[in-house]
Amino acid sequence: MLCALLAAGCTTTQAAPERDSGPTPLTAAGALGDFGDVDYCSLLNVPKVAPGAVAVPTFESCHATAGPRTILVGPLAFDSDPNIQPYDYAGPVPDGVAVQQSMFNDRSACTRAITFADGNRLDLSVTDDTGDQAARCEVADAAVGSALAAITAHRVGRLTFPDRSWGRVAPCALLDDHQLDAAAGPGSQPATGLSGHSCIRGKVSLKLTVETTPPDGPAEQLGGRDARVRLAEAFCVVDTTQPAPGLPGRRELAEISVVETAGMAGDGTCAAARTAAASILPRLPTP
């Protein structure tokens, strides 16, 4: 009745139609889900891309070998890399995703990067000793296509970590210890990697994964475990392994490294690495 009397002042409101926002740019989390348990081997169609290859899932990559050729899918990275450049990838690419190439070490490796809308990237590389870069890059592009097909079809697999597996360990908790203050550097704080299976605290880093290359060099006792110490340019690295629960015949790997910021690593760097290992290794679970 009121509207009939005051028709000039009454209006009817309707909800505005929703605008079509178009495709949603694909982020790394949208593509892969939880970074901590991605089975990167589920992204590699081995029979098609690398017939006869043996594929081993680690905590943050897939390592596939066929004769002298190695295909590596992963890890995820979020840092910028000046070696990564655009190139003309011929396959379909989801919205917000770019496929790029790396010019690093291009005499023995062809490396591609799938960069998601949030800036995180998935590295894929093919290495061998043939000297045929075109053949390597053909396989690398096939690996990119395989990964993108698995992602868009929602076929990303998940890893499971049995009891006592180092895949269940939070590495930053092991670096947050006053015994590491000297080796890591004053005021340093732990910072976790994207996968959650690595951590850096100042000059000390810890990575937990599955071993893909047999250990080399003599063993010594550190933190109650058989360990190997080696120099790698600016780093001194301490490795130890245990049988991988749930992966018969494989071993899990704990890799502790200390970097020498003033040049090449030496005896002093390795003394710090041994000190760090003596603190970290006893706190790792045993099978």
Protein backbone atom coordinates (compact mmCIF):
# COMPACT_ATOMS: atom_id res chain seq x y z
CA MET A 1 0.00 0.00 0.00
CA LEU A 2 2.84 2.33 0.88
CA CYS A 3 4.50 1.70 -2.47
CA ALA A 4 1.21 2.36 -4.24
CA LEU A 5 1.02 5.74 -2.53
CA LEU A 6 4.67 6.57 -3.02
CA ALA A 7 5.33 4.82 -6.35
CA ALA A 8 7.75 7.44 -7.43
CA GLY A 9 9.99 6.61 -4.50
CA CYS A 10 9.94 2.79 -4.65
CA THR A 11 12.39 0.74 -6.70
CA THR A 12 13.10 -2.94 -7.07
CA THR A 13 16.72 -4.08 -6.59
CA GLN A 14 18.26 -7.09 -8.36
CA ALA A 15 21.60 -8.76 -7.84
CA ALA A 16 24.11 -7.76 -10.47
CA PRO A 17 25.11 -10.67 -12.71
CA GLU A 18 28.48 -12.19 -11.82
CA ARG A 19 31.26 -11.21 -14.15
CA ASP A 20 33.13 -13.96 -15.91
CA SER A 21 36.60 -13.61 -14.50
CA GLY A 22 38.10 -16.09 -16.99
CA PRO A 23 40.68 -18.78 -16.21
CA THR A 24 42.40 -18.66 -12.84
CA PRO A 25 46.19 -18.43 -13.12
CA LEU A 26 47.71 -21.69 -11.89
CA THR A 27 49.91 -21.44 -8.80
CA ALA A 28 52.35 -24.10 -7.65
CA ALA A 29 50.10 -24.94 -4.69
CA GLY A 30 47.10 -25.20 -7.01
CA ALA A 31 49.06 -27.52 -9.29
CA LEU A 32 50.81 -29.72 -6.73
CA GLY A 33 48.95 -29.36 -3.44
CA ASP A 34 51.01 -29.81 -0.27
CA PHE A 35 54.67 -29.52 -1.29
CA GLY A 36 55.78 -31.83 1.52
CA ASP A 37 54.50 -35.11 0.06
CA VAL A 38 54.47 -34.69 -3.73
CA ASP A 39 55.44 -37.83 -5.62
CA TYR A 40 57.36 -36.20 -8.44
CA CYS A 41 57.64 -39.53 -10.25
CA SER A 42 53.87 -39.31 -10.83
CA LEU A 43 54.66 -36.34 -13.11
CA LEU A 44 56.94 -38.40 -15.35
CA ASN A 45 55.39 -40.76 -17.89
CA VAL A 46 58.39 -43.10 -17.86
CA PRO A 47 57.28 -45.49 -20.68
CA LYS A 48 56.75 -42.53 -23.01
CA VAL A 49 59.50 -40.13 -21.96
CA ALA A 50 62.25 -42.53 -20.86
CA PRO A 51 61.48 -46.14 -21.86
CA GLY A 52 63.29 -48.60 -19.61
CA ALA A 53 64.28 -45.98 -17.04
CA VAL A 54 64.32 -46.76 -13.32
CA ALA A 55 62.54 -43.94 -11.49
CA VAL A 56 63.22 -43.30 -7.80
CA PRO A 57 61.06 -40.82 -5.87
CA THR A 58 62.98 -38.73 -3.35
CA PHE A 59 61.38 -36.33 -0.88
CA GLU A 60 61.57 -33.43 -3.34
CA SER A 61 62.28 -34.82 -6.80
CA CYS A 62 62.11 -37.82 -9.12
CA HIS A 63 65.41 -39.31 -10.26
CA ALA A 64 65.09 -41.52 -13.35
CA THR A 65 68.04 -43.26 -15.02
CA ALA A 66 68.22 -45.08 -18.36
CA GLY A 67 71.77 -46.10 -19.27
CA PRO A 68 73.97 -42.98 -19.26
CA ARG A 69 70.96 -40.64 -19.21
CA THR A 70 69.44 -39.13 -16.07
CA ILE A 71 66.12 -37.29 -15.93
CA LEU A 72 65.45 -35.18 -12.86
CA VAL A 73 61.99 -33.79 -12.13
CA GLY A 74 62.17 -31.27 -9.31
CA PRO A 75 62.92 -29.77 -6.96
CA LEU A 76 60.69 -26.76 -6.54
CA ALA A 77 62.47 -23.43 -6.26
CA PHE A 78 61.37 -19.89 -5.48
CA ASP A 79 64.60 -17.96 -5.98
CA SER A 80 65.39 -16.08 -9.15
CA ASP A 81 67.95 -17.59 -11.53
CA PRO A 82 69.64 -15.40 -14.15
CA ASN A 83 70.36 -18.49 -16.27
CA ILE A 84 66.63 -19.09 -16.91
CA GLN A 85 65.36 -17.50 -20.10
CA PRO A 86 62.20 -17.68 -22.24
CA TYR A 87 62.06 -20.03 -25.20
CA ASP A 88 59.43 -21.23 -27.65
CA TYR A 89 57.88 -24.28 -25.98
CA ALA A 90 55.47 -25.84 -28.48
CA GLY A 91 53.05 -27.66 -26.14
CA PRO A 92 49.92 -26.45 -24.33
CA VAL A 93 50.51 -24.47 -21.13
CA PRO A 94 47.93 -23.70 -18.38
CA ASP A 95 46.93 -20.10 -17.75
CA GLY A 96 49.52 -18.20 -15.72
CA VAL A 97 52.28 -20.78 -16.34
CA ALA A 98 55.48 -20.21 -18.33
CA VAL A 99 57.93 -22.81 -19.62
CA GLN A 100 61.51 -21.56 -19.72
CA GLN A 101 64.99 -22.91 -20.40
CA SER A 102 68.22 -22.69 -18.45
CA MET A 103 71.51 -21.99 -20.19
CA PHE A 104 73.54 -23.36 -17.27
CA ASN A 105 75.74 -26.38 -18.06
CA ASP A 106 74.19 -26.72 -21.51
CA ARG A 107 77.05 -28.88 -22.83
CA SER A 108 75.93 -31.87 -20.80
CA ALA A 109 72.41 -30.99 -19.62
CA CYS A 110 69.17 -29.62 -20.99
CA THR A 111 67.17 -27.91 -18.25
CA ARG A 112 63.63 -26.61 -18.38
CA ALA A 113 61.63 -24.71 -15.75
CA ILE A 114 57.87 -24.70 -15.31
CA THR A 115 57.21 -21.37 -13.60
CA PHE A 116 53.81 -20.98 -11.95
CA ALA A 117 51.75 -17.84 -11.47
CA ASP A 118 53.09 -17.32 -7.93
CA GLY A 119 56.72 -17.31 -9.12
CA ASN A 120 57.56 -20.78 -7.81
CA ARG A 121 59.12 -23.02 -10.43
CA LEU A 122 59.58 -26.73 -11.04
CA ASP A 123 62.94 -27.58 -12.58
CA LEU A 124 63.35 -30.51 -14.99
CA SER A 125 66.70 -31.59 -16.43
CA VAL A 126 68.14 -34.26 -18.71
CA THR A 127 71.84 -35.10 -18.50
CA ASP A 128 74.04 -37.59 -20.33
CA ASP A 129 77.49 -37.85 -21.87
CA THR A 130 76.46 -38.08 -25.53
CA GLY A 131 77.11 -34.47 -26.50
CA ASP A 132 73.78 -34.38 -28.35
CA GLN A 133 72.03 -31.35 -26.85
CA ALA A 134 69.14 -31.50 -29.33
CA ALA A 135 68.32 -35.07 -28.25
CA ARG A 136 68.51 -34.13 -24.58
CA CYS A 137 66.21 -31.16 -25.07
CA GLU A 138 63.71 -33.31 -26.98
CA VAL A 139 63.47 -35.55 -23.91
CA ALA A 140 63.32 -32.52 -21.59
CA ASP A 141 60.39 -31.06 -23.56
CA ALA A 142 58.65 -34.44 -23.41
CA ALA A 143 59.16 -34.43 -19.63
CA VAL A 144 57.64 -30.94 -19.43
CA GLY A 145 54.63 -32.11 -21.44
CA SER A 146 54.27 -35.17 -19.21
CA ALA A 147 54.35 -33.04 -16.04
CA LEU A 148 51.84 -30.51 -17.34
CA ALA A 149 49.50 -33.29 -18.51
CA ALA A 150 49.59 -34.93 -15.06
CA ILE A 151 48.98 -31.59 -13.35
CA THR A 152 46.03 -30.54 -15.52
CA ALA A 153 44.48 -34.01 -15.22
CA HIS A 154 44.87 -33.89 -11.39
CA ARG A 155 47.07 -37.00 -11.37
CA VAL A 156 49.71 -35.71 -8.96
CA GLY A 157 50.56 -38.58 -6.63
CA ARG A 158 51.42 -38.39 -2.94
CA LEU A 159 54.24 -39.93 -0.94
CA THR A 160 53.62 -41.69 2.36
CA PHE A 161 56.22 -41.67 5.11
CA PRO A 162 56.21 -44.71 7.42
CA ASP A 163 57.12 -44.51 11.09
CA ARG A 164 60.81 -43.67 11.65
CA SER A 165 61.17 -42.27 8.15
CA TRP A 166 63.19 -39.08 7.90
CA GLY A 167 60.40 -37.78 5.68
CA ARG A 168 58.48 -37.14 8.92
CA VAL A 169 61.28 -35.04 10.44
CA ALA A 170 61.09 -31.23 10.57
CA PRO A 171 64.69 -30.29 9.69
CA CYS A 172 64.48 -26.75 11.07
CA ALA A 173 63.75 -28.19 14.52
CA LEU A 174 67.14 -29.93 14.37
CA LEU A 175 68.94 -26.70 13.45
CA ASP A 176 67.26 -24.66 16.18
CA ASP A 177 69.86 -25.67 18.75
CA HIS A 178 72.40 -23.59 20.69
CA GLN A 179 75.10 -26.17 19.94
CA LEU A 180 75.00 -24.90 16.35
CA ASP A 181 75.38 -21.20 17.20
CA ALA A 182 79.08 -21.08 16.38
CA ALA A 183 78.90 -23.13 13.18
CA ALA A 184 75.83 -21.31 11.85
CA GLY A 185 76.92 -17.80 12.77
CA PRO A 186 75.68 -15.27 15.31
CA GLY A 187 72.04 -14.25 15.13
CA SER A 188 71.17 -16.84 12.47
CA GLN A 189 67.64 -18.26 12.35
CA PRO A 190 66.38 -21.44 10.64
CA ALA A 191 64.54 -21.01 7.33
CA THR A 192 62.73 -23.97 5.78
CA GLY A 193 62.83 -24.90 2.10
CA LEU A 194 59.70 -25.12 -0.05
CA SER A 195 59.31 -28.86 0.35
CA GLY A 196 59.74 -28.78 4.13
CA HIS A 197 62.53 -31.39 3.90
CA SER A 198 65.44 -28.94 3.98
CA CYS A 199 66.46 -26.06 6.21
CA ILE A 200 69.17 -23.40 6.23
CA ARG A 201 70.45 -21.63 9.31
CA GLY A 202 73.21 -19.19 8.47
CA LYS A 203 76.17 -21.20 7.20
CA VAL A 204 74.65 -24.59 8.10
CA SER A 205 72.10 -26.47 6.02
CA LEU A 206 70.34 -29.81 6.44
CA LYS A 207 68.63 -31.78 3.69
CA LEU A 208 66.67 -35.01 4.18
CA THR A 209 65.90 -37.11 1.11
CA VAL A 210 66.37 -40.52 -0.55
CA GLU A 211 69.84 -41.47 -1.72
CA THR A 212 70.25 -41.78 -5.51
CA THR A 213 74.06 -42.07 -5.73
CA PRO A 214 76.06 -44.58 -3.69
CA PRO A 215 78.28 -42.93 -1.05
CA ASP A 216 81.95 -42.44 -1.76
CA GLY A 217 84.90 -42.22 0.60
CA PRO A 218 85.76 -43.72 3.99
CA ALA A 219 83.24 -43.72 6.82
CA GLU A 220 83.81 -42.22 10.25
CA GLN A 221 81.73 -42.14 13.41
CA LEU A 222 79.84 -38.88 13.97
CA GLY A 223 76.93 -38.56 16.37
CA GLY A 224 76.82 -42.34 16.79
CA ARG A 225 76.39 -43.00 13.04
CA ASP A 226 78.55 -44.00 10.11
CA ALA A 227 79.09 -40.78 8.18
CA ARG A 228 81.20 -39.53 5.29
CA VAL A 229 82.83 -36.13 5.11
CA ARG A 230 83.74 -34.51 1.78
CA LEU A 231 84.76 -31.16 0.36
CA ALA A 232 82.64 -29.67 -2.43
CA GLU A 233 84.13 -26.33 -3.48
CA ALA A 234 82.92 -23.81 -0.86
CA PHE A 235 81.14 -26.48 1.19
CA CYS A 236 82.10 -29.24 3.58
CA VAL A 237 79.40 -31.91 3.51
CA VAL A 238 78.60 -34.67 5.99
CA ASP A 239 76.36 -37.51 4.75
CA THR A 240 74.75 -40.39 6.58
CA THR A 241 72.10 -42.89 5.51
CA GLN A 242 69.62 -45.39 6.87
CA PRO A 243 67.42 -48.04 5.19
CA ALA A 244 64.40 -46.29 3.67
CA PRO A 245 61.18 -47.49 5.33
CA GLY A 246 58.71 -48.38 2.61
CA LEU A 247 61.33 -48.35 -0.19
CA PRO A 248 63.04 -51.77 -0.22
CA GLY A 249 66.64 -51.58 -1.37
CA ARG A 250 66.79 -47.81 -0.99
CA ARG A 251 68.34 -45.66 1.71
CA GLU A 252 67.32 -42.32 3.15
CA LEU A 253 69.99 -39.63 3.19
CA ALA A 254 70.73 -36.86 5.67
CA GLU A 255 73.09 -34.25 4.23
CA ILE A 256 74.61 -31.61 6.52
CA SER A 257 76.72 -28.90 4.93
CA VAL A 258 78.63 -25.86 6.10
CA VAL A 259 79.62 -23.13 3.65
CA GLU A 260 82.88 -21.20 3.73
CA THR A 261 81.92 -17.63 2.94
CA ALA A 262 85.52 -16.43 2.52
CA GLY A 263 86.53 -18.81 -0.28
CA MET A 264 87.05 -22.55 -0.73
CA ALA A 265 86.17 -24.88 2.12
CA GLY A 266 88.98 -26.41 4.12
CA ASP A 267 89.81 -28.08 7.40
CA GLY A 268 88.14 -25.35 9.45
CA THR A 269 84.91 -25.68 7.47
CA CYS A 270 84.93 -29.45 7.97
CA ALA A 271 85.56 -29.03 11.70
CA ALA A 272 82.38 -26.92 11.85
CA ALA A 273 80.51 -29.51 9.77
CA ARG A 274 81.59 -32.30 12.11
CA THR A 275 80.44 -30.24 15.11
CA ALA A 276 77.07 -29.67 13.46
CA ALA A 277 76.75 -33.37 12.61
CA ALA A 278 77.57 -34.38 16.19
CA SER A 279 74.59 -32.27 17.32
CA ILE A 280 72.11 -33.20 14.58
CA LEU A 281 72.65 -36.90 13.84
CA PRO A 282 71.85 -38.33 17.33
CA ARG A 283 68.40 -36.70 17.13
CA LEU A 284 67.39 -38.38 13.89
CA PRO A 285 65.10 -41.41 14.32
CA THR A 286 66.51 -44.86 13.65
CA PRO A 287 64.60 -47.57 11.73
